[in-house]
Protein backbone atom coordinates (compact mmCIF):
# COMPACT_ATOMS: atom_id res chain seq x y z
CA MET A 1 -16.54 2.97 -19.75
CA ILE A 2 -14.41 5.70 -18.23
CA TYR A 3 -13.79 8.59 -20.61
CA ILE A 4 -10.86 10.94 -20.00
CA GLU A 5 -9.85 13.86 -22.18
CA ALA A 6 -6.42 15.41 -22.41
CA LEU A 7 -5.22 17.15 -19.27
CA GLU A 8 -7.85 15.43 -17.11
CA THR A 9 -6.64 13.11 -14.39
CA VAL A 10 -8.30 10.00 -13.09
CA GLY A 11 -7.45 10.72 -9.47
CA LYS A 12 -4.73 9.95 -7.01
CA SER A 13 -4.05 6.27 -6.44
CA ILE A 14 -2.61 4.16 -3.66
CA PHE A 15 -1.64 0.50 -3.92
CA LEU A 16 -2.58 -1.53 -0.83
CA ALA A 17 0.50 -3.70 -0.30
CA GLY A 18 0.35 -6.14 2.56
CA GLY A 19 -0.69 -9.54 3.75
CA ILE A 20 -3.31 -11.47 1.81
CA SER A 21 -2.88 -15.13 2.71
CA ASN A 22 -3.66 -16.33 6.24
CA CYS A 23 -4.60 -12.92 7.59
CA PRO A 24 -7.72 -10.75 8.00
CA ASP A 25 -9.04 -8.72 5.08
CA TRP A 26 -7.39 -5.52 6.26
CA GLN A 27 -7.75 -4.05 2.74
CA GLN A 28 -11.53 -3.77 3.21
CA GLU A 29 -11.02 -2.08 6.54
CA MET A 30 -8.66 0.43 4.90
CA ARG A 31 -11.19 0.95 2.11
CA LEU A 32 -13.79 1.87 4.73
CA LEU A 33 -11.37 4.16 6.55
CA LEU A 34 -10.63 6.07 3.31
CA GLN A 35 -14.04 5.80 1.65
CA ASP A 36 -14.78 9.52 1.88
CA THR A 37 -11.60 10.54 0.03
CA ASP A 38 -11.17 10.84 -3.72
CA LEU A 39 -8.41 8.23 -3.73
CA ILE A 40 -8.31 5.27 -6.08
CA LEU A 41 -7.27 2.18 -4.11
CA PHE A 42 -5.58 -0.69 -5.92
CA ASN A 43 -6.37 -3.84 -3.94
CA PRO A 44 -4.48 -7.01 -4.91
CA ARG A 45 -6.72 -9.25 -2.79
CA ARG A 46 -9.32 -11.01 -4.91
CA ALA A 47 -12.66 -12.25 -3.61
CA GLN A 48 -12.04 -15.55 -5.40
CA PHE A 49 -8.53 -16.61 -6.36
CA PRO A 50 -8.64 -19.48 -8.91
CA ILE A 51 -6.17 -21.72 -7.08
CA GLY A 52 -6.62 -24.54 -9.62
CA ASP A 53 -5.65 -22.34 -12.58
CA PRO A 54 -1.91 -22.71 -13.32
CA SER A 55 -1.78 -19.25 -14.95
CA ALA A 56 -3.46 -17.46 -12.01
CA ALA A 57 -0.24 -16.73 -10.11
CA GLN A 58 1.46 -15.29 -13.19
CA GLU A 59 -1.52 -13.05 -13.93
CA GLN A 60 -1.74 -11.93 -10.30
CA ILE A 61 1.94 -11.07 -10.05
CA GLU A 62 1.86 -9.17 -13.35
CA TRP A 63 -1.21 -7.19 -12.22
CA GLU A 64 0.51 -6.27 -8.95
CA HIS A 65 3.74 -5.39 -10.77
CA ASP A 66 1.90 -3.03 -13.14
CA HIS A 67 -0.23 -1.38 -10.44
CA LEU A 68 2.64 -0.89 -7.99
CA ARG A 69 4.35 1.10 -10.73
CA SER A 70 1.32 3.08 -11.84
CA ALA A 71 0.11 3.99 -8.33
CA ASP A 72 0.94 7.45 -7.05
CA ALA A 73 1.82 6.02 -3.63
CA ILE A 74 2.07 2.66 -1.88
CA LEU A 75 0.58 1.83 1.49
CA PHE A 76 2.23 -1.12 3.28
CA TRP A 77 0.56 -3.05 6.10
CA PHE A 78 2.27 -5.88 7.97
CA PRO A 79 -0.33 -7.90 9.93
CA CYS A 80 0.72 -10.09 12.83
CA GLU A 81 -0.66 -13.33 11.38
CA THR A 82 1.99 -13.85 8.68
CA LEU A 83 5.53 -12.72 7.84
CA CYS A 84 4.60 -11.34 4.40
CA PRO A 85 7.88 -12.14 2.61
CA ILE A 86 6.75 -10.64 -0.70
CA VAL A 87 5.62 -7.45 1.03
CA LEU A 88 9.01 -7.19 2.76
CA TYR A 89 10.61 -7.51 -0.68
CA GLU A 90 8.31 -4.82 -2.10
CA LEU A 91 8.96 -2.47 0.81
CA GLY A 92 12.69 -2.89 0.32
CA ALA A 93 12.43 -2.22 -3.40
CA TRP A 94 10.13 0.80 -3.13
CA SER A 95 12.04 2.27 -0.19
CA MET A 96 14.91 2.84 -2.58
CA THR A 97 12.81 5.06 -4.85
CA GLY A 98 11.25 8.47 -4.45
CA LYS A 99 7.69 7.14 -4.63
CA PRO A 100 5.63 8.16 -1.59
CA ILE A 101 5.09 5.28 0.81
CA PHE A 102 3.04 4.78 3.95
CA VAL A 103 4.10 2.02 6.34
CA GLY A 104 2.05 0.32 9.01
CA VAL A 105 3.07 -2.57 11.24
CA HIS A 106 0.87 -4.45 13.67
CA PRO A 107 2.56 -4.21 17.12
CA ASP A 108 2.79 -8.03 17.25
CA TYR A 109 4.29 -8.47 13.75
CA LYS A 110 7.30 -10.75 14.24
CA ARG A 111 9.67 -8.71 12.05
CA ARG A 112 8.50 -5.30 13.32
CA GLN A 113 11.96 -4.18 14.38
CA ASP A 114 13.40 -5.08 10.97
CA VAL A 115 10.75 -3.00 9.21
CA GLU A 116 11.32 -0.09 11.60
CA ILE A 117 15.11 -0.07 11.26
CA GLN A 118 15.27 -0.70 7.52
CA THR A 119 12.60 1.91 6.80
CA TYR A 120 14.38 4.47 8.96
CA LEU A 121 17.70 3.81 7.23
CA ALA A 122 16.25 4.04 3.71
CA ARG A 123 13.46 6.59 4.25
CA PRO A 124 13.86 8.44 7.59
CA GLU A 125 11.00 10.79 6.69
CA VAL A 126 8.46 7.95 6.75
CA ASP A 127 6.52 7.62 10.00
CA ILE A 128 5.57 4.07 10.86
CA CYS A 129 2.03 3.52 12.16
CA TYR A 130 0.87 0.68 14.38
CA THR A 131 -2.85 0.58 13.63
CA LEU A 132 -4.85 0.73 10.42
CA GLU A 133 -6.66 3.78 11.79
CA ASP A 134 -3.39 5.64 12.31
CA LEU A 135 -2.18 4.58 8.87
CA ALA A 136 -5.35 5.98 7.28
CA CYS A 137 -4.85 9.21 9.27
CA GLU A 138 -1.30 9.43 7.93
CA VAL A 139 -2.63 9.19 4.36
CA ARG A 140 -5.24 11.87 5.10
CA PHE A 141 -2.63 14.13 6.70
CA MET A 142 -0.37 13.91 3.68
CA LEU A 143 -3.28 14.56 1.32
CA CYS A 144 -4.14 17.75 3.21
CA SER A 145 -0.63 19.01 3.93
CA GLU A 146 0.23 21.59 1.28
CA ASP A 147 3.92 21.79 2.21
CA SER A 148 4.41 18.02 2.25
CA PRO A 149 6.59 16.68 -0.56
CA ILE A 150 4.28 13.67 -0.64
CA ALA A 151 1.17 15.79 -1.15
CA THR A 152 2.63 17.23 -4.35
CA VAL A 153 2.68 13.72 -5.80
CA ILE A 154 -0.54 12.38 -4.38
């Protein structure tokens, strides 16, 4: 059980949006890179996805939908192994809001230029990173930067 009284907060949260199928488990690497922070990481990758359960996809999508909305910020990672069409959709949708976002693209990601241009047009203040290490540093920088508009949210 987690018990929270009025005016207490649970912590700052980041949703890890990015490739799941046919790519490395980058979410665990990001977890390790941020393990010494007080962040709550929402990871949509499950250790065991019940592929034979017809309701599994619906439940998964609903969980992601709810946690993308409740997270204080969203971290996007585009690995080179897959195009990540759903992540592209999510980046497009969340780029049009004021929610803080962090964007990382593997240098060999096939739609890298699209992500760079579209992100710049929608959110020119967002710096794109090209390694998970740099992306984690960007999160840390924003957490520590008192004058950052993102730090006031997360």
